[in-house]
Protein backbone atom coordinates (compact mmCIF):
# COMPACT_ATOMS: atom_id res chain seq x y z
CA MET A 1 2.94 22.77 5.33
CA SER A 2 5.22 25.77 5.46
CA ASP A 3 6.30 28.46 3.07
CA ASN A 4 9.08 27.73 0.63
CA LYS A 5 12.22 28.29 2.72
CA LYS A 6 15.25 26.10 3.29
CA TRP A 7 13.90 22.80 4.59
CA ALA A 8 17.00 21.01 5.88
CA ASN A 9 18.22 22.97 8.86
CA ALA A 10 20.40 20.36 10.49
CA GLU A 11 24.13 20.02 9.95
CA ASP A 12 23.79 16.48 8.61
CA GLY A 13 21.38 17.57 5.85
CA SER A 14 18.25 16.14 7.47
CA PHE A 15 14.83 17.80 7.41
CA LYS A 16 13.47 19.27 10.67
CA ARG A 17 9.83 20.38 10.80
CA GLN A 18 8.86 23.60 12.54
CA ALA A 19 6.63 23.34 15.62
CA SER A 20 3.28 25.13 15.44
CA SER A 21 2.95 28.43 17.31
CA PHE A 22 -0.78 28.83 18.08
CA ARG A 23 -2.09 26.03 20.27
CA ASP A 24 -5.40 27.13 21.79
CA THR A 25 -8.72 25.29 21.76
CA VAL A 26 -12.47 25.90 21.52
CA SER A 27 -14.57 24.95 24.53
CA PRO A 28 -17.66 26.13 26.47
CA SER A 29 -15.35 26.61 29.45
CA HIS A 30 -12.70 28.56 27.54
CA ALA A 31 -12.38 32.18 28.61
CA ILE A 32 -12.32 33.42 25.00
CA PHE A 33 -12.91 30.76 22.35
CA LYS A 34 -16.41 29.43 22.89
CA PRO A 35 -18.39 27.29 20.42
CA ALA A 36 -20.62 29.18 17.98
CA LYS A 37 -21.90 28.76 14.45
CA GLY A 38 -20.16 30.98 11.91
CA ARG A 39 -17.58 32.30 14.36
CA TYR A 40 -14.62 30.21 13.20
CA TRP A 41 -12.99 29.97 9.78
CA LEU A 42 -10.60 27.43 8.32
CA TYR A 43 -7.78 28.47 5.99
CA VAL A 44 -6.32 25.59 4.02
CA SER A 45 -4.35 24.40 1.04
CA LEU A 46 -5.80 21.49 -0.93
CA ALA A 47 -2.24 20.39 -1.67
CA CYS A 48 -1.10 20.23 1.96
CA PRO A 49 -1.66 16.86 3.69
CA TRP A 50 -1.85 18.51 7.13
CA ALA A 51 -4.59 20.88 5.97
CA HIS A 52 -6.31 18.05 4.12
CA ARG A 53 -6.96 16.15 7.35
CA THR A 54 -8.84 19.16 8.76
CA LEU A 55 -11.04 19.39 5.67
CA ILE A 56 -11.91 15.71 5.90
CA THR A 57 -12.78 16.04 9.58
CA ARG A 58 -14.88 19.15 8.92
CA ALA A 59 -16.89 17.17 6.37
CA LEU A 60 -17.19 13.98 8.41
CA LYS A 61 -18.41 15.89 11.47
CA GLY A 62 -21.08 17.85 9.58
CA LEU A 63 -19.34 21.19 10.10
CA THR A 64 -19.44 22.48 6.55
CA SER A 65 -22.25 24.89 7.41
CA VAL A 66 -20.69 25.77 10.78
CA ILE A 67 -17.08 26.58 9.89
CA GLY A 68 -16.30 28.44 6.68
CA VAL A 69 -13.28 27.72 4.52
CA SER A 70 -10.92 29.63 2.24
CA VAL A 71 -8.42 27.88 -0.03
CA VAL A 72 -5.03 29.25 -1.01
CA HIS A 73 -3.59 28.97 -4.50
CA TRP A 74 -1.71 25.75 -5.20
CA SER A 75 1.45 27.65 -6.13
CA MET A 76 3.61 28.63 -3.17
CA ASP A 77 6.40 31.10 -3.91
CA THR A 78 9.16 32.57 -1.77
CA LYS A 79 6.60 34.69 0.10
CA GLY A 80 4.48 31.68 1.02
CA TRP A 81 0.84 30.85 0.39
CA ARG A 82 -1.36 33.34 -1.45
CA PHE A 83 -5.06 33.80 -2.14
CA LEU A 84 -6.65 34.60 -5.46
CA PRO A 85 -6.97 38.37 -5.92
CA TYR A 86 -10.11 40.04 -4.70
CA GLU A 87 -11.73 42.08 -7.44
CA SER A 88 -14.11 44.61 -5.91
CA GLY A 89 -17.36 44.81 -7.84
CA ALA A 90 -16.34 42.06 -10.25
CA GLY A 91 -18.23 39.25 -8.56
CA ALA A 92 -15.06 37.40 -7.58
CA ALA A 93 -16.40 36.59 -4.14
CA ASN A 94 -19.53 34.97 -5.52
CA LYS A 95 -17.60 32.98 -8.12
CA SER A 96 -15.31 31.50 -5.53
CA ASP A 97 -18.08 30.86 -3.02
CA ASP A 98 -20.06 28.90 -5.59
CA VAL A 99 -17.31 26.30 -5.71
CA PHE A 100 -15.27 26.39 -2.53
CA GLY A 101 -17.14 28.41 0.04
CA PRO A 102 -19.39 27.52 2.95
CA ALA A 103 -22.48 27.39 0.74
CA SER A 104 -21.11 24.32 -1.03
CA GLY A 105 -19.70 22.71 2.11
CA ILE A 106 -16.94 20.54 0.70
CA PRO A 107 -14.57 22.18 -1.80
CA CYS A 108 -15.37 21.19 -5.37
CA VAL A 109 -12.28 19.46 -6.68
CA PRO A 110 -11.47 19.44 -10.40
CA LYS A 111 -10.51 16.16 -12.01
CA SER A 112 -6.84 15.56 -12.65
CA ASN A 113 -6.06 16.87 -16.13
CA PRO A 114 -2.99 17.57 -18.24
CA THR A 115 -1.39 20.74 -16.90
CA ALA A 116 0.35 22.09 -20.01
CA GLY A 117 -0.37 25.79 -20.39
CA ILE A 118 -1.29 26.31 -16.72
CA THR A 119 1.10 28.87 -15.29
CA ASN A 120 1.98 29.46 -11.65
CA ASP A 121 0.11 32.78 -11.72
CA SER A 122 -3.07 31.20 -13.09
CA VAL A 123 -6.21 32.88 -11.72
CA ARG A 124 -9.21 30.57 -12.08
CA TYR A 125 -11.69 31.32 -9.31
CA GLY A 126 -12.90 28.15 -7.62
CA ILE A 127 -10.29 26.07 -9.45
CA ASP A 128 -6.88 27.43 -8.45
CA GLY A 129 -8.19 28.52 -5.04
CA THR A 130 -10.38 31.22 -3.53
CA ILE A 131 -10.15 34.76 -2.29
CA ASP A 132 -9.72 35.43 1.42
CA HIS A 133 -13.43 35.77 2.15
CA ASN A 134 -13.00 37.71 5.39
CA TYR A 135 -10.33 40.37 4.91
CA HIS A 136 -9.50 40.16 1.19
CA PHE A 137 -5.87 39.60 2.12
CA ASN A 138 -3.41 38.56 -0.56
CA ARG A 139 -1.31 36.25 1.64
CA ILE A 140 -1.64 33.87 4.56
CA SER A 141 1.22 35.84 6.12
CA GLU A 142 -1.14 38.80 6.55
CA LEU A 143 -3.36 36.67 8.79
CA TYR A 144 -0.38 35.78 10.96
CA TYR A 145 0.67 39.41 11.28
CA LYS A 146 -2.90 40.41 12.10
CA ALA A 147 -2.88 37.85 14.91
CA ASN A 148 0.62 38.79 16.05
CA PRO A 149 2.47 41.77 14.51
CA ASP A 150 5.74 40.40 15.90
CA TYR A 151 5.35 36.93 14.40
CA ASN A 152 8.68 35.74 12.96
CA ALA A 153 8.25 32.08 12.00
CA ARG A 154 6.86 30.35 8.90
CA PHE A 155 3.34 30.96 7.61
CA THR A 156 1.76 27.52 7.65
CA VAL A 157 -1.62 26.01 6.91
CA PRO A 158 -4.07 24.96 8.22
CA VAL A 159 -5.18 27.95 10.27
CA LEU A 160 -8.26 27.93 12.49
CA TRP A 161 -9.28 31.58 12.76
CA ASP A 162 -11.67 33.31 15.18
CA LEU A 163 -13.68 36.00 13.40
CA GLU A 164 -14.86 37.55 16.68
CA THR A 165 -11.48 38.29 18.25
CA GLU A 166 -9.73 38.31 14.86
CA THR A 167 -6.89 36.03 15.76
CA ILE A 168 -5.55 32.53 15.20
CA VAL A 169 -6.95 29.91 17.55
CA ASN A 170 -4.76 27.05 16.39
CA ASN A 171 -2.42 26.19 13.51
CA GLU A 172 -1.57 22.62 14.53
CA SER A 173 -3.58 20.22 12.37
CA SER A 174 -3.64 17.35 14.86
CA GLU A 175 -5.20 19.65 17.47
CA ILE A 176 -7.66 21.24 15.04
CA ILE A 177 -9.09 17.84 14.12
CA ARG A 178 -9.43 16.98 17.81
CA ILE A 179 -11.31 20.27 18.32
CA PHE A 180 -13.65 19.40 15.44
CA ASN A 181 -14.17 15.88 16.77
CA SER A 182 -14.65 16.92 20.41
CA GLY A 183 -18.38 17.58 20.09
CA VAL A 184 -18.22 21.27 20.96
CA PHE A 185 -19.99 22.13 17.69
CA ASP A 186 -22.50 19.26 17.74
CA GLU A 187 -25.50 21.48 18.50
CA PHE A 188 -24.88 23.42 15.28
CA THR A 189 -24.22 20.52 12.88
CA ASP A 190 -26.35 19.38 9.99
CA SER A 191 -28.90 16.91 11.38
CA LYS A 192 -28.67 14.90 8.16
CA VAL A 193 -25.03 14.05 8.82
CA THR A 194 -24.54 10.80 10.73
CA GLN A 195 -22.57 11.57 13.86
CA ILE A 196 -19.22 9.84 14.11
CA ASP A 197 -16.66 9.82 16.89
CA LEU A 198 -13.22 9.54 15.33
CA VAL A 199 -11.52 9.06 18.69
CA PRO A 200 -13.70 6.74 20.80
CA LYS A 201 -12.47 6.70 24.38
CA GLN A 202 -11.96 2.94 24.40
CA LEU A 203 -9.74 3.15 21.30
CA GLN A 204 -7.83 6.35 22.06
CA SER A 205 -4.66 4.64 23.28
CA GLN A 206 -4.51 2.51 20.13
CA ILE A 207 -5.21 5.53 17.93
CA ASP A 208 -2.52 7.60 19.65
CA GLU A 209 0.01 4.78 19.35
CA ILE A 210 -0.57 4.33 15.61
CA ASN A 211 -0.62 8.10 15.02
CA SER A 212 2.75 8.43 16.73
CA TRP A 213 4.74 6.10 14.50
CA VAL A 214 2.73 6.88 11.36
CA TYR A 215 3.44 10.59 11.76
CA ASP A 216 7.16 10.29 12.33
CA ASN A 217 7.90 7.54 9.84
CA ILE A 218 5.30 7.98 7.07
CA ASN A 219 3.48 11.36 7.20
CA ASN A 220 6.71 13.22 7.90
CA GLY A 221 8.91 10.41 6.63
CA VAL A 222 8.22 11.21 2.98
CA TYR A 223 9.34 14.79 3.62
CA LYS A 224 12.48 13.62 5.38
CA SER A 225 13.23 11.57 2.28
CA GLY A 226 12.35 14.22 -0.27
CA PHE A 227 14.05 17.13 1.45
CA ALA A 228 17.18 15.24 2.50
CA GLU A 229 20.36 16.99 1.41
CA SER A 230 22.76 14.08 1.57
CA GLN A 231 22.67 10.65 -0.04
CA GLN A 232 23.23 8.94 3.30
CA VAL A 233 20.30 10.70 4.97
CA TYR A 234 18.04 10.08 1.98
CA GLU A 235 18.75 6.36 1.85
CA LYS A 236 18.16 6.02 5.58
CA GLU A 237 14.87 7.92 5.48
CA VAL A 238 13.39 6.31 2.36
CA THR A 239 14.20 2.85 3.68
CA ASN A 240 12.49 3.76 6.94
CA VAL A 241 9.35 4.91 5.07
CA PHE A 242 9.02 1.57 3.29
CA ASP A 243 9.75 -0.44 6.44
CA HIS A 244 6.77 1.26 8.08
CA LEU A 245 4.58 0.91 5.01
CA GLN A 246 5.22 -2.81 5.35
CA LYS A 247 4.14 -2.58 8.99
CA LEU A 248 0.88 -0.97 7.86
CA GLU A 249 0.43 -3.65 5.22
CA HIS A 250 0.73 -6.34 7.87
CA ILE A 251 -1.85 -4.68 10.13
CA LEU A 252 -4.33 -4.26 7.29
CA LYS A 253 -3.81 -7.84 6.09
CA ILE A 254 -4.73 -9.17 9.52
CA ASN A 255 -7.81 -6.92 9.63
CA TYR A 256 -8.85 -7.82 6.09
CA ASP A 257 -8.53 -11.57 6.62
CA ALA A 258 -10.59 -11.26 9.80
CA ALA A 259 -13.27 -9.31 7.92
CA VAL A 260 -13.35 -11.88 5.11
CA SER A 261 -13.84 -14.68 7.65
CA LYS A 262 -16.61 -12.76 9.37
CA TYR A 263 -18.47 -11.13 6.48
CA GLY A 264 -17.23 -12.75 3.28
CA GLU A 265 -15.04 -11.20 0.61
CA LYS A 266 -17.80 -9.02 -0.85
CA GLU A 267 -18.38 -7.14 2.41
CA ALA A 268 -14.81 -7.22 3.76
CA LEU A 269 -13.53 -4.20 1.86
CA SER A 270 -16.06 -1.85 3.48
CA LYS A 271 -14.79 -3.01 6.89
CA LEU A 272 -11.11 -2.41 6.12
CA PHE A 273 -9.69 0.09 8.61
CA LEU A 274 -6.60 0.34 10.81
CA ILE A 275 -8.41 -0.44 14.05
CA ASN A 276 -11.18 -2.99 14.36
CA GLU A 277 -13.87 -2.43 11.72
CA GLN A 278 -14.45 1.29 12.14
CA LEU A 279 -13.16 4.53 10.72
CA THR A 280 -11.03 6.39 13.24
CA GLU A 281 -8.65 9.31 13.38
CA ALA A 282 -5.81 6.90 12.65
CA ASP A 283 -7.22 6.28 9.16
CA LEU A 284 -7.93 9.96 8.64
CA ARG A 285 -4.36 11.01 9.51
CA LEU A 286 -2.80 8.37 7.28
CA TYR A 287 -4.99 8.94 4.21
CA PRO A 288 -3.58 12.32 3.02
CA THR A 289 -0.09 10.81 2.77
CA ILE A 290 -1.12 7.60 1.04
CA VAL A 291 -3.38 9.31 -1.50
CA ARG A 292 -0.40 11.53 -2.47
CA PHE A 293 2.11 8.71 -2.56
CA ASP A 294 1.84 7.39 -6.13
CA PRO A 295 0.95 10.74 -7.80
CA VAL A 296 3.72 12.75 -6.06
CA TYR A 297 5.95 11.15 -3.45
CA VAL A 298 7.19 8.30 -5.67
CA GLN A 299 8.85 10.65 -8.14
CA HIS A 300 9.06 14.05 -6.44
CA PHE A 301 10.34 12.85 -3.06
CA LYS A 302 12.21 9.87 -4.55
CA CYS A 303 10.12 7.37 -2.56
CA ASN A 304 10.39 4.99 -5.48
CA LEU A 305 11.26 1.62 -3.99
CA SER A 306 7.70 0.76 -5.00
CA THR A 307 4.35 2.36 -5.67
CA ILE A 308 1.47 1.72 -3.28
CA ARG A 309 -0.65 0.10 -5.99
CA ASP A 310 2.10 -2.32 -7.05
CA GLY A 311 3.81 -3.07 -3.76
CA PHE A 312 1.18 -2.86 -1.02
CA LYS A 313 -2.05 -4.60 -1.94
CA MET A 314 -3.78 -4.08 1.42
CA ILE A 315 -2.87 -0.40 1.72
CA ASP A 316 -4.12 0.13 -1.82
CA LEU A 317 -7.44 -1.59 -1.02
CA TRP A 318 -7.76 0.49 2.14
CA LEU A 319 -7.06 3.67 0.16
CA ARG A 320 -9.60 2.88 -2.55
CA ASN A 321 -12.22 1.99 0.06
CA LEU A 322 -11.86 5.39 1.72
CA TYR A 323 -11.69 7.33 -1.55
CA TRP A 324 -14.54 5.72 -3.45
CA ASN A 325 -16.87 4.85 -0.56
CA ASN A 326 -16.70 8.09 1.45
CA ALA A 327 -17.41 11.49 -0.10
CA ALA A 328 -15.58 13.32 2.70
CA PHE A 329 -12.33 11.77 1.50
CA ARG A 330 -12.97 11.83 -2.25
CA GLU A 331 -14.41 15.34 -2.53
CA THR A 332 -11.63 16.96 -0.52
CA THR A 333 -8.89 15.35 -2.61
CA SER A 334 -7.63 17.55 -5.44
CA PHE A 335 -5.03 15.74 -7.51
CA ASP A 336 -4.56 18.89 -9.61
CA HIS A 337 -3.65 21.00 -6.57
CA ILE A 338 -1.50 18.20 -5.18
CA LYS A 339 0.52 17.58 -8.35
CA LEU A 340 0.84 21.21 -9.39
CA HIS A 341 1.85 22.40 -5.93
CA TYR A 342 4.64 19.93 -5.28
CA THR A 343 6.12 20.04 -8.76
CA ARG A 344 5.89 23.81 -9.22
CA SER A 345 6.64 25.05 -5.68
CA HIS A 346 9.88 23.21 -4.86
CA PRO A 347 12.44 24.47 -7.39
CA ARG A 348 15.32 22.94 -5.47
CA VAL A 349 13.73 19.51 -5.88
CA ASN A 350 12.31 20.04 -9.40
CA PRO A 351 14.18 22.98 -11.01
CA LEU A 352 12.32 22.86 -14.34
CA GLY A 353 8.87 22.70 -12.72
CA LEU A 354 7.67 19.90 -14.98
CA THR A 355 4.53 18.10 -13.76
CA PRO A 356 4.36 14.37 -14.60
CA LEU A 357 1.15 13.20 -16.25
CA GLY A 358 0.89 9.89 -14.39
CA PRO A 359 -0.10 7.76 -12.79
CA ILE A 360 -3.05 6.85 -15.00
CA PRO A 361 -5.56 6.40 -13.51
CA VAL A 362 -4.51 8.65 -10.66
CA ILE A 363 -6.29 6.26 -8.27
CA LEU A 364 -7.48 2.80 -9.19
CA PRO A 365 -11.22 2.06 -9.29
CA LEU A 366 -12.83 -0.37 -6.88
């Protein structure tokens, strides 16, 4: 997700996403970026769906003690993402580490609460975000300029940073999660974490095919709807989002019915995934969009032809299965960061910055 600049940069008022600039990898054969414990650091926003997928992968792959993490404040202003201020000698680093840092592994996410009285300059360590643990920078932009003094594009998250060479390895989320899944850090992972391959070789073509249309029509589709600057473009894009949600619903219905026949209704829910009966990268890349849909995209991006919970029974079951039955999904999902960020950081979409209270509950129980 980028800093808060003009989103629609096409003549017809449609939204065009910026391509990522840093596209390197980590590998034993790489001339510079070789696997090591504690060498790499992840900079994220808990509000950003693209950063969210990297946090989930980090947790699923047992990398919480291998790759550290810093979390930007949920409020993004005209200068982009910012960290909480570092207070030398005041214990700020320890306060933020206790909640978000590598010692805790997965960021501790506050429950969704009424937001009256919370201002955009709120400084609650471990709640609104963290400091920059490595350089005590104030802004993500400072990382980009440290990596490249001549950088002149947007300052996006996630960022995979190399502490040894002090530069950005990669800022493309789809490639970062492939790096995490590749096995290059397996020798350093927590032995208590069950190893999972999110992109099994025999399923990669199916995963890539689903990822392709899900990204363009759903992950990015909600943005193309919400940031559209003409009625014609908006109506086209929002209709396209719901057409593809229906496609997902159909896929999940087939998979669910097959699981019911095979295991019975009681066990079927735990087997509900996009491909076969196993969790893959396709599920992981879809989840951050769907978990944000009812709390944010319905009202903020005008994707209001239906909610997920009311209009897509199978997608809703799939979502609740991932959220309630897998800590890597649940404990990296901050509804407070999500709702506050979108409603307070896009003044052209929501000029008054009011944050809706609903939906209640924010996600339905199993």
